[in-house]
Protein backbone atom coordinates (compact mmCIF):
# COMPACT_ATOMS: atom_id res chain seq x y z
CA UNK A 1 16.44 -22.09 2.56
CA UNK A 2 16.33 -25.31 0.51
CA UNK A 3 12.53 -25.34 0.54
CA UNK A 4 12.09 -21.69 -0.44
CA UNK A 5 10.60 -20.77 -3.78
CA UNK A 6 13.59 -20.89 -6.21
CA UNK A 7 12.31 -17.89 -8.18
CA UNK A 8 12.09 -15.92 -4.96
CA UNK A 9 15.61 -16.95 -3.86
CA UNK A 10 17.17 -15.91 -7.17
CA UNK A 11 15.33 -12.59 -7.26
CA UNK A 12 16.24 -11.85 -3.66
CA UNK A 13 19.93 -12.52 -4.25
CA UNK A 14 19.98 -10.35 -7.35
CA UNK A 15 18.39 -7.37 -5.63
CA UNK A 16 19.92 -7.62 -2.15
CA UNK A 17 23.56 -8.00 -3.18
CA UNK A 18 23.86 -4.61 -4.81
CA UNK A 19 25.42 -1.33 -3.71
CA UNK A 20 22.26 0.42 -4.89
CA UNK A 21 20.20 -1.33 -2.24
CA UNK A 22 22.69 -0.48 0.50
CA UNK A 23 22.71 3.18 -0.48
CA UNK A 24 18.92 3.23 -0.67
CA UNK A 25 18.65 1.86 2.86
CA UNK A 26 21.18 4.39 4.13
CA UNK A 27 19.63 7.44 2.45
CA UNK A 28 16.06 6.47 3.33
CA UNK A 29 16.77 5.98 7.02
CA UNK A 30 18.90 9.13 7.18
CA UNK A 31 15.98 11.13 5.80
CA UNK A 32 13.58 9.66 8.34
CA UNK A 33 16.05 10.18 11.19
CA UNK A 34 16.66 13.77 10.07
CA UNK A 35 12.92 14.43 10.04
CA UNK A 36 12.63 12.97 13.54
CA UNK A 37 15.46 15.16 14.86
CA UNK A 38 13.88 18.29 13.38
CA UNK A 39 10.50 17.54 14.98
CA UNK A 40 12.16 16.78 18.32
CA UNK A 41 14.00 20.09 18.17
CA UNK A 42 10.85 22.04 17.32
CA UNK A 43 8.84 20.21 19.98
CA UNK A 44 11.24 20.41 22.93
CA UNK A 45 14.15 22.80 22.55
CA UNK A 46 12.76 25.66 20.44
CA UNK A 47 9.17 25.41 21.72
CA UNK A 48 10.36 25.32 25.32
CA UNK A 49 12.41 28.50 24.85
CA UNK A 50 9.81 30.42 22.84
CA UNK A 51 6.56 29.46 24.60
CA UNK A 52 7.99 28.08 27.85
CA UNK A 53 5.87 24.97 27.40
CA UNK A 54 6.18 21.77 25.39
CA UNK A 55 3.51 20.51 22.98
CA UNK A 56 3.87 16.77 23.35
CA UNK A 57 1.26 16.27 20.65
CA UNK A 58 4.02 17.10 18.18
CA UNK A 59 5.42 13.60 18.71
CA UNK A 60 2.16 12.10 17.48
CA UNK A 61 2.41 14.43 14.51
CA UNK A 62 5.90 13.06 13.88
CA UNK A 63 4.55 9.51 13.94
CA UNK A 64 1.73 10.42 11.53
CA UNK A 65 4.07 12.17 9.08
CA UNK A 66 6.66 9.37 9.09
CA UNK A 67 3.95 6.75 8.70
CA UNK A 68 2.49 8.71 5.78
CA UNK A 69 5.92 8.90 4.13
CA UNK A 70 6.36 5.14 4.33
CA UNK A 71 2.83 4.49 3.09
CA UNK A 72 3.33 6.75 0.05
CA UNK A 73 6.67 5.06 -0.61
CA UNK A 74 4.96 1.66 -0.79
CA UNK A 75 2.25 3.00 -3.12
CA UNK A 76 4.68 4.43 -5.65
CA UNK A 77 7.62 2.00 -5.50
CA UNK A 78 5.79 -1.33 -5.57
CA UNK A 79 4.13 -0.88 -9.02
CA UNK A 80 7.49 -0.10 -10.61
CA UNK A 81 9.22 -3.05 -8.93
CA UNK A 82 6.55 -5.61 -9.81
CA UNK A 83 5.43 -4.49 -13.27
CA UNK A 84 8.64 -5.65 -14.93
CA UNK A 85 9.03 -8.89 -12.99
CA UNK A 86 7.51 -11.31 -15.52
CA UNK A 87 7.50 -9.22 -18.69
CA UNK A 88 11.21 -8.67 -18.17
CA UNK A 89 11.75 -12.42 -18.52
CA UNK A 90 9.76 -12.31 -21.75
CA UNK A 91 11.85 -9.44 -23.13
CA UNK A 92 15.04 -11.33 -22.29
CA UNK A 93 13.51 -14.42 -23.97
CA UNK A 94 13.96 -16.51 -20.83
CA UNK A 95 10.27 -16.91 -19.97
CA UNK A 96 9.84 -20.00 -22.18
CA UNK A 97 12.81 -21.62 -20.46
CA UNK A 98 11.34 -20.81 -17.05
CA UNK A 99 7.97 -22.25 -18.05
CA UNK A 100 9.61 -25.45 -19.29
CA UNK A 101 10.97 -26.26 -15.83
CA UNK A 102 9.12 -28.09 -13.06
CA UNK A 103 8.23 -24.78 -11.43
CA UNK A 104 4.51 -24.14 -11.75
CA UNK A 105 3.17 -20.81 -13.07
CA UNK A 106 1.74 -20.11 -9.61
CA UNK A 107 5.17 -20.54 -8.01
CA UNK A 108 6.68 -18.26 -10.65
CA UNK A 109 4.10 -15.54 -10.01
CA UNK A 110 4.35 -15.82 -6.22
CA UNK A 111 8.15 -15.92 -6.34
CA UNK A 112 8.38 -12.87 -8.57
CA UNK A 113 5.90 -10.98 -6.40
CA UNK A 114 7.67 -11.89 -3.15
CA UNK A 115 11.10 -10.95 -4.54
CA UNK A 116 9.79 -7.64 -5.88
CA UNK A 117 8.15 -6.47 -2.66
CA UNK A 118 10.81 -7.89 -0.31
CA UNK A 119 13.08 -4.90 -0.84
CA UNK A 120 10.24 -2.51 -0.04
CA UNK A 121 9.41 -4.49 3.10
CA UNK A 122 13.11 -4.40 4.02
CA UNK A 123 13.03 -0.60 3.82
CA UNK A 124 9.97 -0.52 6.04
CA UNK A 125 11.40 -2.92 8.63
CA UNK A 126 14.74 -1.08 8.71
CA UNK A 127 12.92 2.14 9.54
CA UNK A 128 11.07 0.69 12.54
CA UNK A 129 13.82 1.74 15.03
CA UNK A 130 13.59 5.32 13.74
CA UNK A 131 9.81 5.27 13.93
CA UNK A 132 9.91 3.89 17.46
CA UNK A 133 11.43 7.11 18.84
CA UNK A 134 7.87 8.08 19.74
CA UNK A 135 8.13 5.50 22.55
CA UNK A 136 10.36 7.95 24.41
CA UNK A 137 7.37 10.25 24.90
CA UNK A 138 4.37 7.96 24.82
CA UNK A 139 1.09 7.91 22.98
CA UNK A 140 2.12 4.98 20.75
CA UNK A 141 2.53 1.39 21.92
CA UNK A 142 4.33 -1.55 20.37
CA UNK A 143 1.10 -3.06 19.02
CA UNK A 144 0.57 0.13 16.99
CA UNK A 145 3.87 -0.43 15.18
CA UNK A 146 2.95 -4.03 14.39
CA UNK A 147 -0.44 -2.87 13.07
CA UNK A 148 1.29 -0.32 10.88
CA UNK A 149 3.72 -2.95 9.61
CA UNK A 150 0.77 -5.25 8.80
CA UNK A 151 -0.86 -2.43 6.84
CA UNK A 152 2.26 -1.83 4.78
CA UNK A 153 2.76 -5.54 4.04
CA UNK A 154 -0.86 -6.02 2.96
CA UNK A 155 -0.73 -2.85 0.85
CA UNK A 156 2.49 -4.00 -0.80
CA UNK A 157 0.97 -7.39 -1.63
CA UNK A 158 -2.25 -5.75 -2.83
CA UNK A 159 -0.60 -3.20 -5.13
CA UNK A 160 2.07 -5.73 -6.10
CA UNK A 161 -0.51 -8.29 -7.21
CA UNK A 162 -1.89 -5.70 -9.63
CA UNK A 163 1.61 -5.07 -10.96
CA UNK A 164 2.31 -8.79 -11.39
CA UNK A 165 -1.00 -9.28 -13.20
CA UNK A 166 -0.16 -6.57 -15.75
CA UNK A 167 3.39 -7.89 -15.99
CA UNK A 168 1.94 -11.19 -17.18
CA UNK A 169 -0.65 -9.69 -19.51
CA UNK A 170 1.49 -7.01 -21.17
CA UNK A 171 4.23 -7.65 -23.68
CA UNK A 172 6.47 -4.69 -22.78
CA UNK A 173 7.79 -3.42 -19.46
CA UNK A 174 6.72 0.12 -20.28
CA UNK A 175 3.13 -0.91 -20.94
CA UNK A 176 2.99 -3.04 -17.77
CA UNK A 177 4.38 -0.20 -15.66
CA UNK A 178 1.90 2.32 -17.05
CA UNK A 179 -1.04 -0.06 -16.49
CA UNK A 180 0.12 -0.82 -12.94
CA UNK A 181 0.37 2.84 -12.01
CA UNK A 182 -2.96 3.66 -13.65
CA UNK A 183 -4.63 0.84 -11.70
CA UNK A 184 -3.06 2.04 -8.45
CA UNK A 185 -4.09 5.65 -9.07
CA UNK A 186 -7.63 4.61 -10.02
CA UNK A 187 -8.00 2.44 -6.92
CA UNK A 188 -6.42 4.82 -4.41
CA UNK A 189 -7.31 8.29 -5.71
CA UNK A 190 -10.02 8.15 -8.38
CA UNK A 191 -12.37 5.73 -6.58
CA UNK A 192 -13.10 8.13 -3.67
CA UNK A 193 -13.57 10.98 -6.15
CA UNK A 194 -16.14 8.96 -8.11
CA UNK A 195 -18.01 7.99 -4.93
CA UNK A 196 -18.05 11.59 -3.70
CA UNK A 197 -19.27 12.67 -7.14
CA UNK A 198 -22.31 10.39 -6.88
CA UNK A 199 -22.91 11.67 -3.36
CA UNK A 200 -22.71 15.21 -4.68
CA UNK A 201 -25.30 14.49 -7.40
CA UNK A 202 -27.70 13.00 -4.87
CA UNK A 203 -27.14 15.85 -2.43
CA UNK A 204 -27.62 18.47 -5.14
CA UNK A 205 -30.87 16.95 -6.33
CA UNK A 206 -32.30 16.33 -2.84
CA UNK A 207 -30.70 18.57 -0.25
CA UNK A 208 -29.69 21.83 -1.85
CA UNK A 209 -26.93 23.81 -0.17
CA UNK A 210 -27.02 21.84 3.08
CA UNK A 211 -26.84 18.58 1.16
CA UNK A 212 -23.86 19.76 -0.85
CA UNK A 213 -22.09 20.78 2.34
CA UNK A 214 -22.85 17.49 4.08
CA UNK A 215 -21.51 15.43 1.17
CA UNK A 216 -18.02 16.34 2.34
CA UNK A 217 -18.61 14.51 5.61
CA UNK A 218 -19.94 11.10 4.65
CA UNK A 219 -20.40 8.48 1.96
CA UNK A 220 -23.80 6.93 2.44
CA UNK A 221 -25.42 3.70 1.39
CA UNK A 222 -23.69 0.55 0.27
CA UNK A 223 -21.23 2.52 -1.84
CA UNK A 224 -19.04 2.72 1.25
CA UNK A 225 -18.17 -0.96 0.70
CA UNK A 226 -16.05 0.02 -2.30
CA UNK A 227 -13.77 1.98 0.01
CA UNK A 228 -12.74 -1.28 1.64
CA UNK A 229 -10.54 -1.82 -1.42
CA UNK A 230 -8.85 1.55 -1.00
CA UNK A 231 -5.54 1.35 0.93
CA UNK A 232 -5.64 5.07 1.64
CA UNK A 233 -8.79 4.72 3.74
CA UNK A 234 -7.23 1.76 5.54
CA UNK A 235 -4.29 3.97 6.45
CA UNK A 236 -6.58 6.79 7.61
CA UNK A 237 -8.58 4.31 9.67
CA UNK A 238 -5.40 3.08 11.34
CA UNK A 239 -4.31 6.62 12.23
CA UNK A 240 -7.76 7.37 13.61
CA UNK A 241 -7.55 4.35 15.89
CA UNK A 242 -3.97 4.98 16.99
CA UNK A 243 -3.61 8.74 17.40
CA UNK A 244 -7.21 9.95 17.07
CA UNK A 245 -6.54 11.76 13.83
CA UNK A 246 -8.34 11.05 10.61
CA UNK A 247 -10.43 12.78 8.00
CA UNK A 248 -14.03 13.40 8.93
CA UNK A 249 -15.45 10.89 6.48
CA UNK A 250 -13.95 8.06 8.52
CA UNK A 251 -15.68 9.31 11.64
CA UNK A 252 -19.09 9.55 9.99
CA UNK A 253 -19.22 6.26 8.08
CA UNK A 254 -21.06 4.64 10.97
CA UNK A 255 -23.50 7.47 11.56
CA UNK A 256 -26.39 5.74 9.79
CA UNK A 257 -26.26 2.44 11.68
CA UNK A 258 -26.51 -1.03 10.14
CA UNK A 259 -23.75 -1.98 7.73
CA UNK A 260 -22.07 1.41 7.97
CA UNK A 261 -21.89 1.16 11.75
CA UNK A 262 -20.42 -2.36 11.63
CA UNK A 263 -17.78 -1.29 9.11
CA UNK A 264 -16.90 1.79 11.14
CA UNK A 265 -16.17 -0.46 14.13
CA UNK A 266 -14.14 -3.03 12.17
CA UNK A 267 -12.95 -1.01 9.20
CA UNK A 268 -9.26 -1.85 9.42
CA UNK A 269 -9.76 -5.63 9.68
CA UNK A 270 -12.45 -5.65 6.98
CA UNK A 271 -10.31 -3.64 4.58
CA UNK A 272 -7.26 -5.84 5.15
CA UNK A 273 -9.25 -9.00 4.43
CA UNK A 274 -10.90 -7.43 1.37
CA UNK A 275 -7.58 -6.35 -0.12
CA UNK A 276 -6.00 -9.74 0.56
CA UNK A 277 -8.95 -11.41 -1.18
CA UNK A 278 -8.41 -9.23 -4.26
CA UNK A 279 -4.69 -10.03 -4.13
CA UNK A 280 -5.40 -13.76 -4.16
CA UNK A 281 -7.71 -13.35 -7.16
CA UNK A 282 -5.15 -11.28 -9.09
CA UNK A 283 -2.36 -13.77 -8.34
CA UNK A 284 -4.56 -16.67 -9.44
CA UNK A 285 -5.46 -14.86 -12.68
CA UNK A 286 -1.81 -14.06 -13.35
CA UNK A 287 -0.85 -17.71 -12.82
CA UNK A 288 -3.68 -18.80 -15.13
CA UNK A 289 -2.60 -16.46 -17.94
CA UNK A 290 1.03 -17.45 -17.43
CA UNK A 291 0.29 -21.15 -17.87
CA UNK A 292 1.91 -22.60 -21.02
CA UNK A 293 -1.41 -22.92 -22.85
CA UNK A 294 -2.52 -19.40 -22.10
CA UNK A 295 0.91 -17.98 -22.85
CA UNK A 296 1.15 -19.69 -26.22
CA UNK A 297 -2.39 -18.66 -27.11
CA UNK A 298 -1.66 -15.02 -26.42
CA UNK A 299 1.65 -15.24 -28.29
CA UNK A 300 -0.12 -16.70 -31.28
CA UNK A 301 -2.73 -13.93 -31.24
CA UNK A 302 0.01 -11.34 -30.94
């Protein structure tokens, strides 16, 4: 513990030693457990009495739904928890004091990011026993849970690095939070819409009705590379590999051969590395702008 980032240690103590965190853990896991019990009842007891057979595929549906709930939780909680990490110090007028210590701006940024996403990761890890109920039926192995945990950690770091960057650049917590959520929404939801829109224009001009219909099944050309930075497609790719369920676009990315085929075979690993690379860049930029010179320059301009 002595060699841990001091900013991280302080932030962790402040957030972990609260009744709010204990209640959040309790309520969150109760909701997941309640969902699991309902699906088990519908799959075994009620289905067995009504149809006299049991649809074991419902357990995989349970895993997919619970995984989706946790993924959405990470997407929408992390921006709020990271956006106010640094700008909150500025509003309390303690940022100058923090910058005057021996702690480097990079350690401040990394510590704030780690402390902010640690509580989200704690929620995810605490729910693993509930999620592992699918082991009682089969279809999911232990490596699948570790892969899912890796996805959530990388997504939290990825979205959190955007929040930390805006927390450094903005002067108010409200502005940083709005920018963080807008960046997350643009990256996760608007990016696929824009790519499909370009596909639609090309299909409309070249393929008529059949082209317009086929645009819903694939994203062609090198534009598919941009989806590597979309956590939603990483999640869909993981579900496709684990339970054989995923939207059709993920199954047709590799239909043209070449780059698309390679990405379709290694999509999850490529997307994880791409998102981590962006995270490193955003953290480095945040540390650069937080450096005393950059901070004073921006303060003077403000």
